[in-house]
C-alpha cells in the first residue's frame, strides 16, 4: 500500500474501479478519521460510530462508479457516514421504548429481590448499571433514592454543578441508547481490515451471483436433457435443471 500514499484521491478511485484492492485500502486509511468523527457527532457513541463508519466505507465502495469527481471522495464518504449513523440511531431507538427519566416512576432499590418489575423498568435498571461509576451513582441517588441535587453534592463532597452535569449526562446517555451500546466488532481489528474483509465478501458474492453467459449455457443443457429417452432419471434431471434455472 506504500506505493499509493503519494497518489491523489481521484487516482485511487480510478485504480479501485479497475480492481486494485490496495487503492481502496489507502482511501479508507486516509479518510477514516474524518468519517469516524462525522459518525461520532451523529451517534455520540464510539461503538456506533465504528459500525456506521464501516457501513459508510462499504456503501461508498459499492457505489463508487457513481462518484463523478474522485477528488471529492472524502466529503462523499462522510455523507454516507451521516446517513449510516442516522440509520443506526433509528434502528436502535425503534428497538427500545422511549422513556424519560424525568417522567418515570422508579421503584425503591431496597429489598427488590422478590419484586417483579415490568419489562421497561428492568430495561432501565440494566441501562443504569451500564453507565460509568460516577454518573451511575448520581442517577441512582437522585432518581432511585430521591435525594436532591444539594444532598448528593454534600454526600459526595462535589460541587452542585458537578452533580447536575452527571445527571444531565446520565439522562442523555439513557435517552440516546440506554447507556453504552454493545459493540458489534472485534476491537483487535482495525477499521481498514474490517472494511476490506467485507468488500472481499461482497466481491465473492458478486462472482457467485454473476449470470453472465448463464442463459445460453442453460438452454443448451435443457435441450440435451429433453433429448434423452423418457425415464425416471430423465424426469429427475429435467426437474433439477428447471429448478436451477428458476
C-alpha atoms as a PDB file:
ATOM      1  CA  UNK A   1       0.000   0.000   0.000  1.00  0.00           C
ATOM      2  CA  UNK A   2       3.053   2.289   0.306  1.00  0.00           C
ATOM      3  CA  UNK A   3       3.026   2.725  -3.462  1.00  0.00           C
ATOM      4  CA  UNK A   4      -0.299   4.569  -3.176  1.00  0.00           C
ATOM      5  CA  UNK A   5       0.462   7.004  -0.364  1.00  0.00           C
ATOM      6  CA  UNK A   6       1.532   9.764  -2.750  1.00  0.00           C
ATOM      7  CA  UNK A   7      -1.424   9.361  -5.115  1.00  0.00           C
ATOM      8  CA  UNK A   8      -4.386  11.729  -5.177  1.00  0.00           C
ATOM      9  CA  UNK A   9      -7.879  10.585  -4.258  1.00  0.00           C
ATOM     10  CA  UNK A  10      -9.123  10.726  -7.840  1.00  0.00           C
ATOM     11  CA  UNK A  11      -6.309   8.398  -8.923  1.00  0.00           C
ATOM     12  CA  UNK A  12      -7.072   5.975  -6.104  1.00  0.00           C
ATOM     13  CA  UNK A  13     -10.752   5.968  -7.071  1.00  0.00           C
ATOM     14  CA  UNK A  14      -9.849   5.117 -10.671  1.00  0.00           C
ATOM     15  CA  UNK A  15      -7.491   2.350  -9.554  1.00  0.00           C
ATOM     16  CA  UNK A  16     -10.175   0.927  -7.272  1.00  0.00           C
ATOM     17  CA  UNK A  17     -12.648   0.813 -10.142  1.00  0.00           C
ATOM     18  CA  UNK A  18     -10.010  -1.059 -12.150  1.00  0.00           C
ATOM     19  CA  UNK A  19      -9.839  -3.697  -9.414  1.00  0.00           C
ATOM     20  CA  UNK A  20      -6.882  -2.519  -7.323  1.00  0.00           C
ATOM     21  CA  UNK A  21      -7.767  -3.559  -3.760  1.00  0.00           C
ATOM     22  CA  UNK A  22      -4.844  -1.732  -2.157  1.00  0.00           C
ATOM     23  CA  UNK A  23      -6.027   1.552  -3.668  1.00  0.00           C
ATOM     24  CA  UNK A  24      -9.260   1.408  -1.694  1.00  0.00           C
ATOM     25  CA  UNK A  25      -7.368   0.408   1.437  1.00  0.00           C
ATOM     26  CA  UNK A  26      -5.428   3.653   1.093  1.00  0.00           C
ATOM     27  CA  UNK A  27      -8.662   5.631   0.697  1.00  0.00           C
ATOM     28  CA  UNK A  28     -10.081   4.078   3.870  1.00  0.00           C
ATOM     29  CA  UNK A  29      -6.853   4.692   5.784  1.00  0.00           C
ATOM     30  CA  UNK A  30      -6.674   8.270   4.539  1.00  0.00           C
ATOM     31  CA  UNK A  31     -10.256   9.242   5.403  1.00  0.00           C
ATOM     32  CA  UNK A  32     -11.137   7.024   8.368  1.00  0.00           C
ATOM     33  CA  UNK A  33     -10.500   9.773  10.932  1.00  0.00           C
ATOM     34  CA  UNK A  34     -12.871  12.224   9.223  1.00  0.00           C
ATOM     35  CA  UNK A  35     -15.511   9.532   8.705  1.00  0.00           C
ATOM     36  CA  UNK A  36     -15.291   8.385  12.326  1.00  0.00           C
ATOM     37  CA  UNK A  37     -15.581  11.987  13.502  1.00  0.00           C
ATOM     38  CA  UNK A  38     -18.659  12.538  11.361  1.00  0.00           C
ATOM     39  CA  UNK A  39     -20.318   9.363  12.632  1.00  0.00           C
ATOM     40  CA  UNK A  40     -19.439  10.136  16.245  1.00  0.00           C
ATOM     41  CA  UNK A  41     -21.061  13.574  16.023  1.00  0.00           C
ATOM     42  CA  UNK A  42     -24.264  11.839  14.943  1.00  0.00           C
ATOM     43  CA  UNK A  43     -24.259   8.990  17.478  1.00  0.00           C
ATOM     44  CA  UNK A  44     -22.239  10.256  20.431  1.00  0.00           C
ATOM     45  CA  UNK A  45     -21.058   6.692  20.888  1.00  0.00           C
ATOM     46  CA  UNK A  46     -17.744   5.145  19.876  1.00  0.00           C
ATOM     47  CA  UNK A  47     -19.077   1.696  19.039  1.00  0.00           C
ATOM     48  CA  UNK A  48     -21.967   3.012  16.958  1.00  0.00           C
ATOM     49  CA  UNK A  49     -19.578   5.377  15.185  1.00  0.00           C
ATOM     50  CA  UNK A  50     -17.304   2.433  14.318  1.00  0.00           C
ATOM     51  CA  UNK A  51     -20.234   0.466  12.895  1.00  0.00           C
ATOM     52  CA  UNK A  52     -21.517   3.460  10.935  1.00  0.00           C
ATOM     53  CA  UNK A  53     -18.027   4.157   9.570  1.00  0.00           C
ATOM     54  CA  UNK A  54     -17.642   0.590   8.353  1.00  0.00           C
ATOM     55  CA  UNK A  55     -21.065   0.725   6.695  1.00  0.00           C
ATOM     56  CA  UNK A  56     -20.176   4.070   5.111  1.00  0.00           C
ATOM     57  CA  UNK A  57     -16.943   2.851   3.511  1.00  0.00           C
ATOM     58  CA  UNK A  58     -18.586  -0.332   2.249  1.00  0.00           C
ATOM     59  CA  UNK A  59     -21.535   1.632   0.827  1.00  0.00           C
ATOM     60  CA  UNK A  60     -19.119   4.054  -0.823  1.00  0.00           C
ATOM     61  CA  UNK A  61     -17.241   1.149  -2.419  1.00  0.00           C
ATOM     62  CA  UNK A  62     -20.485  -0.339  -3.732  1.00  0.00           C
ATOM     63  CA  UNK A  63     -21.492   2.996  -5.291  1.00  0.00           C
ATOM     64  CA  UNK A  64     -18.034   4.176  -6.337  1.00  0.00           C
ATOM     65  CA  UNK A  65     -18.850   4.154 -10.047  1.00  0.00           C
ATOM     66  CA  UNK A  66     -21.443   6.872  -9.378  1.00  0.00           C
ATOM     67  CA  UNK A  67     -18.854   9.307  -7.988  1.00  0.00           C
ATOM     68  CA  UNK A  68     -18.201  11.761 -10.810  1.00  0.00           C
ATOM     69  CA  UNK A  69     -15.355  13.659  -9.156  1.00  0.00           C
ATOM     70  CA  UNK A  70     -12.896  11.370  -7.397  1.00  0.00           C
ATOM     71  CA  UNK A  71     -11.243  14.367  -5.746  1.00  0.00           C
ATOM     72  CA  UNK A  72     -14.382  14.737  -3.617  1.00  0.00           C
ATOM     73  CA  UNK A  73     -14.236  11.204  -2.234  1.00  0.00           C
ATOM     74  CA  UNK A  74     -13.625  12.483   1.315  1.00  0.00           C
ATOM     75  CA  UNK A  75     -16.756  14.619   1.572  1.00  0.00           C
ATOM     76  CA  UNK A  76     -18.709  11.988  -0.366  1.00  0.00           C
ATOM     77  CA  UNK A  77     -17.918   9.149   2.040  1.00  0.00           C
ATOM     78  CA  UNK A  78     -18.618  11.441   5.021  1.00  0.00           C
ATOM     79  CA  UNK A  79     -22.115  11.961   3.612  1.00  0.00           C
ATOM     80  CA  UNK A  80     -22.515   8.176   3.639  1.00  0.00           C
ATOM     81  CA  UNK A  81     -21.336   8.188   7.267  1.00  0.00           C
ATOM     82  CA  UNK A  82     -24.085  10.646   8.233  1.00  0.00           C
ATOM     83  CA  UNK A  83     -26.753   8.521   6.587  1.00  0.00           C
ATOM     84  CA  UNK A  84     -25.430   5.283   8.083  1.00  0.00           C
ATOM     85  CA  UNK A  85     -25.267   6.844  11.549  1.00  0.00           C
ATOM     86  CA  UNK A  86     -28.854   8.086  11.246  1.00  0.00           C
ATOM     87  CA  UNK A  87     -29.971   4.619  10.189  1.00  0.00           C
ATOM     88  CA  UNK A  88     -28.235   3.001  13.172  1.00  0.00           C
ATOM     89  CA  UNK A  89     -29.764   5.520  15.567  1.00  0.00           C
ATOM     90  CA  UNK A  90     -33.277   4.991  14.184  1.00  0.00           C
ATOM     91  CA  UNK A  91     -32.864   1.226  14.321  1.00  0.00           C
ATOM     92  CA  UNK A  92     -31.620   1.306  17.905  1.00  0.00           C
ATOM     93  CA  UNK A  93     -34.254   3.720  19.162  1.00  0.00           C
ATOM     94  CA  UNK A  94     -37.007   1.718  17.498  1.00  0.00           C
ATOM     95  CA  UNK A  95     -35.904  -1.332  19.467  1.00  0.00           C
ATOM     96  CA  UNK A  96     -36.038   0.492  22.813  1.00  0.00           C
ATOM     97  CA  UNK A  97     -39.068   2.228  24.365  1.00  0.00           C
ATOM     98  CA  UNK A  98     -38.627   5.994  24.698  1.00  0.00           C
ATOM     99  CA  UNK A  99     -38.751   6.521  28.453  1.00  0.00           C
ATOM    100  CA  UNK A 100     -37.805   9.829  30.056  1.00  0.00           C
ATOM    101  CA  UNK A 101     -36.104   9.656  33.412  1.00  0.00           C
ATOM    102  CA  UNK A 102     -37.822  12.880  34.434  1.00  0.00           C
ATOM    103  CA  UNK A 103     -41.271  11.384  33.933  1.00  0.00           C
ATOM    104  CA  UNK A 104     -40.714   7.771  35.015  1.00  0.00           C
ATOM    105  CA  UNK A 105     -41.722   6.463  38.411  1.00  0.00           C
ATOM    106  CA  UNK A 106     -38.856   4.423  39.814  1.00  0.00           C
ATOM    107  CA  UNK A 107     -39.062   1.675  42.373  1.00  0.00           C
ATOM    108  CA  UNK A 108     -37.055   1.781  45.573  1.00  0.00           C
ATOM    109  CA  UNK A 109     -33.904  -0.245  45.005  1.00  0.00           C
ATOM    110  CA  UNK A 110     -34.010  -1.609  48.570  1.00  0.00           C
ATOM    111  CA  UNK A 111     -35.452  -5.090  49.099  1.00  0.00           C
ATOM    112  CA  UNK A 112     -36.255  -5.683  45.433  1.00  0.00           C
ATOM    113  CA  UNK A 113     -35.211  -9.323  45.319  1.00  0.00           C
ATOM    114  CA  UNK A 114     -38.804 -10.566  45.422  1.00  0.00           C
ATOM    115  CA  UNK A 115     -40.279  -7.813  43.266  1.00  0.00           C
ATOM    116  CA  UNK A 116     -41.140  -8.487  39.630  1.00  0.00           C
ATOM    117  CA  UNK A 117     -40.648  -5.322  37.604  1.00  0.00           C
ATOM    118  CA  UNK A 118     -42.408  -4.556  34.321  1.00  0.00           C
ATOM    119  CA  UNK A 119     -40.078  -5.155  31.368  1.00  0.00           C
ATOM    120  CA  UNK A 120     -39.477  -1.473  30.738  1.00  0.00           C
ATOM    121  CA  UNK A 121     -38.288  -0.879  34.304  1.00  0.00           C
ATOM    122  CA  UNK A 122     -35.980  -3.870  34.117  1.00  0.00           C
ATOM    123  CA  UNK A 123     -34.546  -2.315  30.973  1.00  0.00           C
ATOM    124  CA  UNK A 124     -33.985   0.998  32.766  1.00  0.00           C
ATOM    125  CA  UNK A 125     -32.218  -0.606  35.717  1.00  0.00           C
ATOM    126  CA  UNK A 126     -29.992  -2.618  33.389  1.00  0.00           C
ATOM    127  CA  UNK A 127     -29.212   0.522  31.408  1.00  0.00           C
ATOM    128  CA  UNK A 128     -28.316   2.485  34.531  1.00  0.00           C
ATOM    129  CA  UNK A 129     -25.971  -0.327  35.561  1.00  0.00           C
ATOM    130  CA  UNK A 130     -24.135   0.170  32.252  1.00  0.00           C
ATOM    131  CA  UNK A 131     -23.328   3.826  32.997  1.00  0.00           C
ATOM    132  CA  UNK A 132     -19.901   4.875  34.262  1.00  0.00           C
ATOM    133  CA  UNK A 133     -19.433   4.701  38.047  1.00  0.00           C
ATOM    134  CA  UNK A 134     -19.790   8.399  38.895  1.00  0.00           C
ATOM    135  CA  UNK A 135     -22.731   9.016  36.573  1.00  0.00           C
ATOM    136  CA  UNK A 136     -24.478   5.842  37.731  1.00  0.00           C
ATOM    137  CA  UNK A 137     -24.038   6.853  41.370  1.00  0.00           C
ATOM    138  CA  UNK A 138     -25.597  10.281  40.802  1.00  0.00           C
ATOM    139  CA  UNK A 139     -28.511   8.822  38.815  1.00  0.00           C
ATOM    140  CA  UNK A 140     -29.269   6.193  41.441  1.00  0.00           C
ATOM    141  CA  UNK A 141     -29.113   8.640  44.337  1.00  0.00           C
ATOM    142  CA  UNK A 142     -31.327  11.210  42.624  1.00  0.00           C
ATOM    143  CA  UNK A 143     -33.911   9.049  40.871  1.00  0.00           C
ATOM    144  CA  UNK A 144     -33.927   5.873  42.935  1.00  0.00           C
ATOM    145  CA  UNK A 145     -33.142   7.261  46.399  1.00  0.00           C
ATOM    146  CA  UNK A 146     -34.968  10.557  45.716  1.00  0.00           C
ATOM    147  CA  UNK A 147     -32.123  12.681  47.067  1.00  0.00           C
ATOM    148  CA  UNK A 148     -31.902  16.316  45.998  1.00  0.00           C
ATOM    149  CA  UNK A 149     -29.001  17.673  43.975  1.00  0.00           C
ATOM    150  CA  UNK A 150     -27.750  19.585  47.025  1.00  0.00           C
ATOM    151  CA  UNK A 151     -27.903  16.471  49.215  1.00  0.00           C
ATOM    152  CA  UNK A 152     -25.961  14.443  46.668  1.00  0.00           C
ATOM    153  CA  UNK A 153     -23.341  17.182  46.324  1.00  0.00           C
ATOM    154  CA  UNK A 154     -22.868  17.263  50.098  1.00  0.00           C
ATOM    155  CA  UNK A 155     -22.730  13.473  50.383  1.00  0.00           C
ATOM    156  CA  UNK A 156     -20.168  13.095  47.586  1.00  0.00           C
ATOM    157  CA  UNK A 157     -18.223  16.257  48.502  1.00  0.00           C
ATOM    158  CA  UNK A 158     -18.503  17.667  44.987  1.00  0.00           C
ATOM    159  CA  UNK A 159     -19.918  20.965  43.653  1.00  0.00           C
ATOM    160  CA  UNK A 160     -23.637  21.173  42.848  1.00  0.00           C
ATOM    161  CA  UNK A 161     -22.726  21.903  39.235  1.00  0.00           C
ATOM    162  CA  UNK A 162     -20.853  18.601  39.017  1.00  0.00           C
ATOM    163  CA  UNK A 163     -23.902  16.675  40.205  1.00  0.00           C
ATOM    164  CA  UNK A 164     -26.111  18.486  37.685  1.00  0.00           C
ATOM    165  CA  UNK A 165     -23.684  17.631  34.888  1.00  0.00           C
ATOM    166  CA  UNK A 166     -23.592  13.951  35.881  1.00  0.00           C
ATOM    167  CA  UNK A 167     -27.391  13.770  35.953  1.00  0.00           C
ATOM    168  CA  UNK A 168     -27.634  15.546  32.615  1.00  0.00           C
ATOM    169  CA  UNK A 169     -25.066  13.217  31.075  1.00  0.00           C
ATOM    170  CA  UNK A 170     -26.888  10.213  32.521  1.00  0.00           C
ATOM    171  CA  UNK A 171     -30.210  11.316  31.032  1.00  0.00           C
ATOM    172  CA  UNK A 172     -28.567  11.954  27.673  1.00  0.00           C
ATOM    173  CA  UNK A 173     -26.944   8.524  27.555  1.00  0.00           C
ATOM    174  CA  UNK A 174     -30.084   6.722  28.666  1.00  0.00           C
ATOM    175  CA  UNK A 175     -32.301   8.507  26.168  1.00  0.00           C
ATOM    176  CA  UNK A 176     -29.845   8.059  23.317  1.00  0.00           C
ATOM    177  CA  UNK A 177     -29.125   4.403  23.745  1.00  0.00           C
ATOM    178  CA  UNK A 178     -29.812   3.214  27.277  1.00  0.00           C
ATOM    179  CA  UNK A 179     -26.180   3.565  28.256  1.00  0.00           C
ATOM    180  CA  UNK A 180     -23.258   2.257  26.243  1.00  0.00           C
ATOM    181  CA  UNK A 181     -24.298   0.393  23.126  1.00  0.00           C
ATOM    182  CA  UNK A 182     -22.816  -3.039  22.708  1.00  0.00           C
ATOM    183  CA  UNK A 183     -20.064  -3.141  20.133  1.00  0.00           C
ATOM    184  CA  UNK A 184     -20.579  -5.440  17.162  1.00  0.00           C
ATOM    185  CA  UNK A 185     -16.963  -5.684  16.082  1.00  0.00           C
ATOM    186  CA  UNK A 186     -13.616  -7.053  17.228  1.00  0.00           C
ATOM    187  CA  UNK A 187     -11.547  -4.254  18.780  1.00  0.00           C
ATOM    188  CA  UNK A 188      -8.313  -6.025  17.829  1.00  0.00           C
ATOM    189  CA  UNK A 189      -9.115  -5.413  14.155  1.00  0.00           C
ATOM    190  CA  UNK A 190      -8.598  -2.045  12.517  1.00  0.00           C
ATOM    191  CA  UNK A 191     -11.388  -0.295  10.648  1.00  0.00           C
ATOM    192  CA  UNK A 192      -9.440  -0.771   7.405  1.00  0.00           C
ATOM    193  CA  UNK A 193      -9.246  -4.534   7.974  1.00  0.00           C
ATOM    194  CA  UNK A 194     -12.967  -4.838   8.680  1.00  0.00           C
ATOM    195  CA  UNK A 195     -13.939  -2.743   5.668  1.00  0.00           C
ATOM    196  CA  UNK A 196     -11.702  -4.625   3.252  1.00  0.00           C
ATOM    197  CA  UNK A 197     -12.868  -8.010   4.534  1.00  0.00           C
ATOM    198  CA  UNK A 198     -16.462  -7.011   3.869  1.00  0.00           C
ATOM    199  CA  UNK A 199     -15.516  -5.678   0.438  1.00  0.00           C
ATOM    200  CA  UNK A 200     -13.898  -9.017  -0.428  1.00  0.00           C
ATOM    201  CA  UNK A 201     -17.019 -10.846   0.775  1.00  0.00           C
ATOM    202  CA  UNK A 202     -19.150  -8.667  -1.485  1.00  0.00           C
ATOM    203  CA  UNK A 203     -16.832  -9.348  -4.421  1.00  0.00           C
ATOM    204  CA  UNK A 204     -17.146 -13.090  -3.805  1.00  0.00           C
ATOM    205  CA  UNK A 205     -20.921 -12.787  -3.558  1.00  0.00           C
ATOM    206  CA  UNK A 206     -20.927 -10.903  -6.852  1.00  0.00           C
ATOM    207  CA  UNK A 207     -18.926 -13.640  -8.563  1.00  0.00           C
ATOM    208  CA  UNK A 208     -21.254 -16.332  -7.250  1.00  0.00           C
ATOM    209  CA  UNK A 209     -24.303 -14.455  -8.484  1.00  0.00           C
ATOM    210  CA  UNK A 210     -22.904 -13.349 -11.825  1.00  0.00           C
ATOM    211  CA  UNK A 211     -25.306 -14.637 -14.507  1.00  0.00           C
ATOM    212  CA  UNK A 212     -23.114 -13.641 -17.460  1.00  0.00           C
ATOM    213  CA  UNK A 213     -23.463 -16.321 -20.144  1.00  0.00           C
ATOM    214  CA  UNK A 214     -25.768 -18.367 -17.936  1.00  0.00           C
ATOM    215  CA  UNK A 215     -28.883 -18.274 -20.126  1.00  0.00           C
ATOM    216  CA  UNK A 216     -27.145 -19.591 -23.249  1.00  0.00           C
ATOM    217  CA  UNK A 217     -25.457 -22.413 -21.348  1.00  0.00           C
ATOM    218  CA  UNK A 218     -28.691 -23.211 -19.516  1.00  0.00           C
ATOM    219  CA  UNK A 219     -30.690 -23.550 -22.736  1.00  0.00           C
ATOM    220  CA  UNK A 220     -28.088 -25.954 -24.132  1.00  0.00           C
ATOM    221  CA  UNK A 221     -28.229 -28.151 -21.015  1.00  0.00           C
ATOM    222  CA  UNK A 222     -32.032 -28.078 -21.043  1.00  0.00           C
ATOM    223  CA  UNK A 223     -32.129 -29.178 -24.710  1.00  0.00           C
ATOM    224  CA  UNK A 224     -29.742 -32.052 -24.001  1.00  0.00           C
ATOM    225  CA  UNK A 225     -31.870 -33.253 -21.092  1.00  0.00           C
ATOM    226  CA  UNK A 226     -35.092 -33.032 -23.099  1.00  0.00           C
ATOM    227  CA  UNK A 227     -33.480 -35.095 -25.872  1.00  0.00           C
ATOM    228  CA  UNK A 228     -32.984 -38.054 -23.530  1.00  0.00           C
ATOM    229  CA  UNK A 229     -35.339 -41.033 -23.646  1.00  0.00           C
ATOM    230  CA  UNK A 230     -38.215 -40.896 -21.211  1.00  0.00           C
ATOM    231  CA  UNK A 231     -37.312 -42.417 -17.865  1.00  0.00           C
ATOM    232  CA  UNK A 232     -37.370 -41.685 -14.145  1.00  0.00           C
ATOM    233  CA  UNK A 233     -33.800 -40.446 -14.426  1.00  0.00           C
ATOM    234  CA  UNK A 234     -34.785 -38.018 -17.195  1.00  0.00           C
ATOM    235  CA  UNK A 235     -37.686 -36.690 -15.131  1.00  0.00           C
ATOM    236  CA  UNK A 236     -35.395 -36.126 -12.151  1.00  0.00           C
ATOM    237  CA  UNK A 237     -32.723 -34.439 -14.291  1.00  0.00           C
ATOM    238  CA  UNK A 238     -35.331 -32.265 -16.007  1.00  0.00           C
ATOM    239  CA  UNK A 239     -36.801 -31.167 -12.691  1.00  0.00           C
ATOM    240  CA  UNK A 240     -33.332 -30.389 -11.335  1.00  0.00           C
ATOM    241  CA  UNK A 241     -32.375 -28.424 -14.456  1.00  0.00           C
ATOM    242  CA  UNK A 242     -35.578 -26.391 -14.404  1.00  0.00           C
ATOM    243  CA  UNK A 243     -35.071 -25.665 -10.708  1.00  0.00           C
ATOM    244  CA  UNK A 244     -31.536 -24.382 -11.296  1.00  0.00           C
ATOM    245  CA  UNK A 245     -32.762 -22.055 -13.998  1.00  0.00           C
ATOM    246  CA  UNK A 246     -35.599 -20.633 -11.916  1.00  0.00           C
END
